[in-house]
Every structure is written in C-alpha cells, then in structure tokens.
Amino acid sequence: MTAQANIKTNKPVKTAKKVSEKGETLSKLRIRVKAYESKILDASVKQIMDTAVRYDVSFYGPIPLPTEIKKYTVNRSSFVYKNAREQFEMRTHKRLIDILNPTQKIIEALTNLSLPSGVNIDVKMM
C-alpha cells in the first residue's frame, strides 16, 4: 500500500475513498485469520489464496501480524512452597489478506470454504 504524506509535517494524510486510474472506486475485502497453531493457520491461508487465484482476483498477502502472547502464572501448591510457580502461555498467530475488487463469485466461494476447527476468520468490506 502506498500512503500519501503531508510535506510540512511528514504525517500520513487520510483519504476518504481510493480511486483507480479509470475513475472507479476501489473496494477491498480484508480477511484476518487467527489460530493457535501456525501450521493449521498457514494451511487455511493457502486455501484462501488458492480460491482467490482460481477466480482470478488480485490480492495482497498473506501478511503476518504480530503474534499475541498471553502468559499465566500459577502457584504449584496451594499453601506451602509459595515461591514455586509455573508459567503457561497461549500464542495466537494472525495473518492478513486483502482482496481487491471482490466479485460476488469470490465472496460466495470464500463463504463456502470448509476450514479446520480452531481457525477464526474476520471478514470486513472496506
């Protein structure tokens, strides 16, 4: 993605709608995929990308987003050995895919995909 910047302050300028060279407004389908296991996540993302290639749609991605790590510390025993503790963590891996100018066929194909359990998908139209 290219961003425009204000010359004086060097801060990005927000544009309301992106317009192509032909004068058409560009729509984007943003897909965020989350899973606890990275191998299942990568297989799901590959399945989404194969569907986009099959319907000849241009897309960006997969863009790896930062892994969210939740750490939990618990005591090993309830009363004695107060300093003995265990730490557990849950890692949430995330990927981002942008599909440019989606058609109705690609939207139907993406909704009909059967992805493995444990994969969470968020779809936004921008």
N, C-alpha and C. Protein backbone atom coordinates (compact mmCIF):
# COMPACT_ATOMS: atom_id res chain seq x y z
N MET A 1 0.83 -1.17 0.00
CA MET A 1 0.00 0.00 0.00
C MET A 1 0.88 1.24 0.00
N THR A 2 0.47 2.22 -0.75
CA THR A 2 1.21 3.47 -0.74
C THR A 2 0.38 4.49 0.00
N ALA A 3 1.04 5.28 0.81
CA ALA A 3 0.34 6.29 1.59
C ALA A 3 0.85 7.66 1.18
N GLN A 4 -0.03 8.63 1.13
CA GLN A 4 0.36 9.99 0.85
C GLN A 4 0.78 10.64 2.15
N ALA A 5 1.74 11.58 2.07
CA ALA A 5 2.20 12.24 3.28
C ALA A 5 2.15 13.75 3.08
N ASN A 6 1.87 14.47 4.15
CA ASN A 6 1.89 15.91 4.15
C ASN A 6 3.34 16.35 4.14
N ILE A 7 3.72 17.25 3.24
CA ILE A 7 5.12 17.62 3.07
C ILE A 7 5.65 18.38 4.29
N LYS A 8 4.86 19.24 4.90
CA LYS A 8 5.34 20.05 6.01
C LYS A 8 5.53 19.23 7.28
N THR A 9 4.58 18.38 7.62
CA THR A 9 4.65 17.66 8.89
C THR A 9 5.09 16.21 8.74
N ASN A 10 5.16 15.71 7.52
CA ASN A 10 5.55 14.33 7.23
C ASN A 10 4.64 13.32 7.92
N LYS A 11 3.37 13.67 8.10
CA LYS A 11 2.38 12.75 8.67
C LYS A 11 1.48 12.25 7.55
N PRO A 12 1.02 11.01 7.64
CA PRO A 12 0.15 10.50 6.58
C PRO A 12 -1.18 11.24 6.51
N VAL A 13 -1.65 11.43 5.29
CA VAL A 13 -2.92 12.10 5.06
C VAL A 13 -3.97 11.04 4.77
N LYS A 14 -5.10 11.10 5.46
CA LYS A 14 -6.16 10.12 5.25
C LYS A 14 -7.00 10.54 4.04
N THR A 15 -7.22 9.59 3.16
CA THR A 15 -8.08 9.84 2.01
C THR A 15 -9.38 9.08 2.21
N ALA A 16 -10.48 9.69 1.80
CA ALA A 16 -11.79 9.10 2.03
C ALA A 16 -11.99 7.83 1.20
N LYS A 17 -11.83 7.94 -0.10
CA LYS A 17 -12.01 6.79 -0.99
C LYS A 17 -10.86 6.73 -1.97
N LYS A 18 -10.41 5.54 -2.26
CA LYS A 18 -9.36 5.38 -3.25
C LYS A 18 -10.01 5.23 -4.61
N VAL A 19 -9.43 5.89 -5.60
CA VAL A 19 -9.96 5.89 -6.96
C VAL A 19 -8.90 5.35 -7.89
N SER A 20 -9.28 4.44 -8.76
CA SER A 20 -8.32 3.87 -9.71
C SER A 20 -8.04 4.86 -10.84
N GLU A 21 -7.16 4.46 -11.74
CA GLU A 21 -6.80 5.33 -12.85
C GLU A 21 -7.98 5.57 -13.79
N LYS A 22 -8.88 4.61 -13.86
CA LYS A 22 -10.05 4.74 -14.74
C LYS A 22 -11.16 5.55 -14.11
N GLY A 23 -11.02 5.92 -12.85
CA GLY A 23 -12.05 6.70 -12.18
C GLY A 23 -13.01 5.86 -11.37
N GLU A 24 -12.74 4.54 -11.24
CA GLU A 24 -13.62 3.67 -10.47
C GLU A 24 -13.19 3.68 -9.01
N THR A 25 -14.15 3.54 -8.11
CA THR A 25 -13.78 3.44 -6.70
C THR A 25 -13.34 2.01 -6.40
N LEU A 26 -12.27 1.88 -5.63
CA LEU A 26 -11.72 0.56 -5.31
C LEU A 26 -12.33 0.06 -4.01
N SER A 27 -12.84 -1.15 -4.04
CA SER A 27 -13.32 -1.77 -2.82
C SER A 27 -12.35 -2.87 -2.43
N LYS A 28 -12.33 -3.19 -1.15
CA LYS A 28 -11.36 -4.14 -0.65
C LYS A 28 -12.04 -5.05 0.35
N LEU A 29 -11.72 -6.31 0.30
CA LEU A 29 -12.21 -7.30 1.25
C LEU A 29 -11.03 -7.67 2.14
N ARG A 30 -11.09 -7.31 3.42
CA ARG A 30 -9.99 -7.57 4.34
C ARG A 30 -10.31 -8.80 5.18
N ILE A 31 -9.45 -9.80 5.09
CA ILE A 31 -9.65 -11.07 5.80
C ILE A 31 -8.55 -11.20 6.84
N ARG A 32 -8.95 -11.31 8.12
CA ARG A 32 -8.00 -11.56 9.21
C ARG A 32 -8.23 -12.98 9.71
N VAL A 33 -7.18 -13.77 9.70
CA VAL A 33 -7.27 -15.17 10.10
C VAL A 33 -6.44 -15.35 11.37
N LYS A 34 -7.05 -16.00 12.38
CA LYS A 34 -6.37 -16.23 13.66
C LYS A 34 -6.44 -17.71 14.00
N ALA A 35 -5.38 -18.22 14.63
CA ALA A 35 -5.37 -19.61 15.10
C ALA A 35 -4.29 -19.76 16.15
N TYR A 36 -4.42 -20.80 16.96
CA TYR A 36 -3.43 -21.09 17.98
C TYR A 36 -2.23 -21.84 17.41
N GLU A 37 -2.43 -22.62 16.36
CA GLU A 37 -1.35 -23.37 15.74
C GLU A 37 -1.00 -22.76 14.39
N SER A 38 0.28 -22.51 14.18
CA SER A 38 0.70 -21.82 12.96
C SER A 38 0.57 -22.69 11.71
N LYS A 39 0.75 -24.01 11.85
CA LYS A 39 0.67 -24.88 10.68
C LYS A 39 -0.75 -24.95 10.13
N ILE A 40 -1.73 -25.03 11.02
CA ILE A 40 -3.15 -25.03 10.59
C ILE A 40 -3.50 -23.68 9.98
N LEU A 41 -2.97 -22.62 10.55
CA LEU A 41 -3.23 -21.27 10.04
C LEU A 41 -2.67 -21.11 8.63
N ASP A 42 -1.45 -21.57 8.42
CA ASP A 42 -0.84 -21.44 7.09
C ASP A 42 -1.58 -22.28 6.05
N ALA A 43 -2.07 -23.45 6.45
CA ALA A 43 -2.84 -24.28 5.52
C ALA A 43 -4.15 -23.59 5.15
N SER A 44 -4.80 -22.94 6.12
CA SER A 44 -6.05 -22.23 5.85
C SER A 44 -5.82 -21.03 4.94
N VAL A 45 -4.74 -20.30 5.19
CA VAL A 45 -4.41 -19.14 4.36
C VAL A 45 -4.10 -19.57 2.93
N LYS A 46 -3.41 -20.70 2.78
CA LYS A 46 -3.11 -21.22 1.44
C LYS A 46 -4.39 -21.59 0.71
N GLN A 47 -5.35 -22.13 1.43
CA GLN A 47 -6.63 -22.49 0.83
C GLN A 47 -7.38 -21.23 0.36
N ILE A 48 -7.33 -20.17 1.15
CA ILE A 48 -7.97 -18.90 0.77
C ILE A 48 -7.27 -18.30 -0.45
N MET A 49 -5.94 -18.35 -0.47
CA MET A 49 -5.20 -17.80 -1.61
C MET A 49 -5.45 -18.60 -2.88
N ASP A 50 -5.55 -19.93 -2.77
CA ASP A 50 -5.85 -20.75 -3.94
C ASP A 50 -7.22 -20.42 -4.51
N THR A 51 -8.18 -20.14 -3.63
CA THR A 51 -9.52 -19.75 -4.09
C THR A 51 -9.47 -18.42 -4.83
N ALA A 52 -8.68 -17.47 -4.31
CA ALA A 52 -8.55 -16.16 -4.97
C ALA A 52 -7.86 -16.30 -6.32
N VAL A 53 -6.87 -17.16 -6.42
CA VAL A 53 -6.17 -17.37 -7.70
C VAL A 53 -7.10 -18.05 -8.70
N ARG A 54 -7.92 -18.99 -8.22
CA ARG A 54 -8.83 -19.71 -9.11
C ARG A 54 -9.84 -18.77 -9.75
N TYR A 55 -10.29 -17.76 -9.00
CA TYR A 55 -11.27 -16.81 -9.54
C TYR A 55 -10.60 -15.58 -10.16
N ASP A 56 -9.27 -15.61 -10.30
CA ASP A 56 -8.51 -14.55 -10.97
C ASP A 56 -8.78 -13.17 -10.35
N VAL A 57 -8.57 -13.09 -9.04
CA VAL A 57 -8.76 -11.84 -8.30
C VAL A 57 -7.40 -11.43 -7.75
N SER A 58 -7.08 -10.13 -7.83
CA SER A 58 -5.81 -9.67 -7.28
C SER A 58 -5.94 -9.51 -5.77
N PHE A 59 -4.84 -9.85 -5.06
CA PHE A 59 -4.87 -9.79 -3.61
C PHE A 59 -3.49 -9.48 -3.07
N TYR A 60 -3.44 -8.96 -1.85
CA TYR A 60 -2.21 -8.75 -1.11
C TYR A 60 -2.16 -9.77 0.01
N GLY A 61 -1.00 -10.36 0.23
CA GLY A 61 -0.90 -11.20 1.40
C GLY A 61 -0.33 -12.56 1.10
N PRO A 62 -0.25 -13.38 2.08
CA PRO A 62 -0.63 -13.17 3.47
C PRO A 62 0.41 -12.33 4.21
N ILE A 63 -0.06 -11.37 4.96
CA ILE A 63 0.80 -10.50 5.75
C ILE A 63 0.79 -11.02 7.19
N PRO A 64 1.93 -11.46 7.72
CA PRO A 64 1.93 -11.94 9.11
C PRO A 64 1.84 -10.77 10.08
N LEU A 65 0.88 -10.84 10.97
CA LEU A 65 0.73 -9.84 12.02
C LEU A 65 1.43 -10.34 13.28
N PRO A 66 1.73 -9.45 14.22
CA PRO A 66 2.43 -9.88 15.43
C PRO A 66 1.65 -10.94 16.21
N THR A 67 2.37 -11.92 16.72
CA THR A 67 1.77 -12.99 17.50
C THR A 67 1.39 -12.46 18.87
N GLU A 68 0.16 -12.69 19.26
CA GLU A 68 -0.32 -12.24 20.56
C GLU A 68 -0.03 -13.34 21.58
N ILE A 69 0.71 -12.99 22.64
CA ILE A 69 1.11 -13.96 23.66
C ILE A 69 0.46 -13.59 24.99
N LYS A 70 -0.33 -14.51 25.53
CA LYS A 70 -0.94 -14.32 26.85
C LYS A 70 -0.25 -15.27 27.81
N LYS A 71 0.34 -14.71 28.89
CA LYS A 71 1.05 -15.53 29.87
C LYS A 71 0.26 -15.60 31.16
N TYR A 72 0.23 -16.80 31.75
CA TYR A 72 -0.45 -17.03 33.01
C TYR A 72 0.54 -17.65 33.99
N THR A 73 0.61 -17.09 35.19
CA THR A 73 1.48 -17.62 36.24
C THR A 73 0.61 -18.16 37.36
N VAL A 74 0.87 -19.42 37.77
CA VAL A 74 0.09 -20.05 38.84
C VAL A 74 1.04 -20.65 39.86
N ASN A 75 0.58 -20.75 41.11
CA ASN A 75 1.36 -21.40 42.15
C ASN A 75 1.32 -22.91 41.96
N ARG A 76 2.43 -23.57 42.28
CA ARG A 76 2.46 -25.02 42.14
C ARG A 76 1.66 -25.71 43.24
N SER A 77 1.68 -25.13 44.41
CA SER A 77 0.89 -25.71 45.50
C SER A 77 0.04 -24.61 46.11
N SER A 78 -0.95 -25.02 46.86
CA SER A 78 -1.92 -24.03 47.36
C SER A 78 -1.45 -23.33 48.63
N PHE A 79 -0.65 -24.01 49.47
CA PHE A 79 -0.34 -23.41 50.76
C PHE A 79 1.16 -23.27 51.00
N VAL A 80 1.88 -24.35 50.86
CA VAL A 80 3.32 -24.32 51.11
C VAL A 80 4.04 -24.04 49.79
N TYR A 81 5.33 -23.80 49.84
CA TYR A 81 6.16 -23.54 48.66
C TYR A 81 5.57 -22.40 47.81
N LYS A 82 5.46 -21.26 48.48
CA LYS A 82 4.85 -20.10 47.83
C LYS A 82 5.69 -19.61 46.64
N ASN A 83 7.00 -19.84 46.68
CA ASN A 83 7.85 -19.32 45.61
C ASN A 83 7.92 -20.26 44.40
N ALA A 84 7.37 -21.44 44.50
CA ALA A 84 7.37 -22.38 43.37
C ALA A 84 6.18 -22.08 42.48
N ARG A 85 6.46 -21.62 41.28
CA ARG A 85 5.38 -21.22 40.36
C ARG A 85 5.62 -21.81 38.99
N GLU A 86 4.54 -21.91 38.23
CA GLU A 86 4.60 -22.37 36.84
C GLU A 86 4.05 -21.28 35.95
N GLN A 87 4.60 -21.19 34.75
CA GLN A 87 4.09 -20.23 33.77
C GLN A 87 3.59 -20.97 32.54
N PHE A 88 2.42 -20.54 32.08
CA PHE A 88 1.83 -21.09 30.86
C PHE A 88 1.57 -19.93 29.91
N GLU A 89 1.57 -20.22 28.62
CA GLU A 89 1.29 -19.15 27.65
C GLU A 89 0.44 -19.68 26.51
N MET A 90 -0.36 -18.78 25.97
CA MET A 90 -1.16 -19.08 24.79
C MET A 90 -0.72 -18.13 23.68
N ARG A 91 -0.36 -18.69 22.55
CA ARG A 91 0.06 -17.86 21.41
C ARG A 91 -1.04 -17.85 20.36
N THR A 92 -1.40 -16.66 19.91
CA THR A 92 -2.39 -16.51 18.86
C THR A 92 -1.69 -15.96 17.63
N HIS A 93 -1.59 -16.78 16.59
CA HIS A 93 -0.95 -16.38 15.34
C HIS A 93 -1.99 -15.73 14.44
N LYS A 94 -1.58 -14.69 13.71
CA LYS A 94 -2.53 -13.93 12.88
C LYS A 94 -1.94 -13.69 11.49
N ARG A 95 -2.82 -13.68 10.50
CA ARG A 95 -2.44 -13.34 9.12
C ARG A 95 -3.50 -12.40 8.55
N LEU A 96 -3.10 -11.60 7.57
CA LEU A 96 -4.00 -10.63 6.94
C LEU A 96 -3.91 -10.80 5.43
N ILE A 97 -5.08 -10.84 4.78
CA ILE A 97 -5.16 -10.93 3.32
C ILE A 97 -6.14 -9.87 2.84
N ASP A 98 -5.73 -9.08 1.86
CA ASP A 98 -6.60 -8.07 1.23
C ASP A 98 -6.92 -8.53 -0.18
N ILE A 99 -8.21 -8.61 -0.49
CA ILE A 99 -8.65 -8.95 -1.84
C ILE A 99 -9.20 -7.68 -2.47
N LEU A 100 -8.63 -7.30 -3.61
CA LEU A 100 -9.02 -6.05 -4.27
C LEU A 100 -10.15 -6.31 -5.25
N ASN A 101 -11.14 -5.44 -5.24
CA ASN A 101 -12.31 -5.50 -6.12
C ASN A 101 -12.93 -6.90 -6.15
N PRO A 102 -13.46 -7.36 -5.01
CA PRO A 102 -14.04 -8.71 -4.99
C PRO A 102 -15.35 -8.76 -5.77
N THR A 103 -15.58 -9.88 -6.43
CA THR A 103 -16.84 -10.11 -7.13
C THR A 103 -17.75 -10.95 -6.26
N GLN A 104 -18.98 -11.11 -6.69
CA GLN A 104 -19.94 -11.92 -5.92
C GLN A 104 -19.53 -13.38 -5.90
N LYS A 105 -18.91 -13.85 -6.99
CA LYS A 105 -18.49 -15.25 -7.06
C LYS A 105 -17.41 -15.56 -6.03
N ILE A 106 -16.44 -14.66 -5.87
CA ILE A 106 -15.36 -14.91 -4.91
C ILE A 106 -15.87 -14.84 -3.48
N ILE A 107 -16.84 -13.97 -3.23
CA ILE A 107 -17.42 -13.88 -1.88
C ILE A 107 -18.16 -15.17 -1.54
N GLU A 108 -18.92 -15.70 -2.49
CA GLU A 108 -19.62 -16.96 -2.27
C GLU A 108 -18.64 -18.11 -2.07
N ALA A 109 -17.57 -18.11 -2.85
CA ALA A 109 -16.58 -19.19 -2.73
C ALA A 109 -15.87 -19.14 -1.38
N LEU A 110 -15.60 -17.94 -0.89
CA LEU A 110 -14.94 -17.81 0.41
C LEU A 110 -15.87 -18.20 1.56
N THR A 111 -17.17 -17.93 1.42
CA THR A 111 -18.09 -18.31 2.49
C THR A 111 -18.33 -19.81 2.52
N ASN A 112 -18.16 -20.47 1.38
CA ASN A 112 -18.39 -21.91 1.32
C ASN A 112 -17.14 -22.74 1.62
N LEU A 113 -16.03 -22.10 1.94
CA LEU A 113 -14.81 -22.84 2.25
C LEU A 113 -14.98 -23.60 3.57
N SER A 114 -14.49 -24.83 3.59
CA SER A 114 -14.51 -25.60 4.84
C SER A 114 -13.10 -25.57 5.41
N LEU A 115 -12.92 -24.78 6.46
CA LEU A 115 -11.62 -24.63 7.10
C LEU A 115 -11.58 -25.47 8.37
N PRO A 116 -10.39 -25.87 8.80
CA PRO A 116 -10.28 -26.71 10.00
C PRO A 116 -10.76 -25.97 11.25
N SER A 117 -11.13 -26.77 12.26
CA SER A 117 -11.59 -26.16 13.51
C SER A 117 -10.39 -25.50 14.21
N GLY A 118 -10.66 -24.45 14.93
CA GLY A 118 -9.60 -23.73 15.61
C GLY A 118 -9.12 -22.53 14.82
N VAL A 119 -9.68 -22.31 13.64
CA VAL A 119 -9.30 -21.16 12.81
C VAL A 119 -10.44 -20.16 12.85
N ASN A 120 -10.14 -18.93 13.25
CA ASN A 120 -11.13 -17.88 13.35
C ASN A 120 -10.90 -16.88 12.21
N ILE A 121 -11.98 -16.53 11.51
CA ILE A 121 -11.88 -15.63 10.36
C ILE A 121 -12.76 -14.42 10.57
N ASP A 122 -12.18 -13.23 10.37
CA ASP A 122 -12.93 -11.98 10.40
C ASP A 122 -12.86 -11.36 9.01
N VAL A 123 -14.01 -11.06 8.40
CA VAL A 123 -14.06 -10.50 7.06
C VAL A 123 -14.71 -9.13 7.14
N LYS A 124 -14.02 -8.14 6.56
CA LYS A 124 -14.54 -6.77 6.52
C LYS A 124 -14.51 -6.26 5.10
N MET A 125 -15.53 -5.51 4.74
CA MET A 125 -15.58 -4.86 3.43
C MET A 125 -15.17 -3.41 3.62
N MET A 126 -14.15 -2.99 2.90
CA MET A 126 -13.65 -1.62 3.07
C MET A 126 -13.82 -0.84 1.79
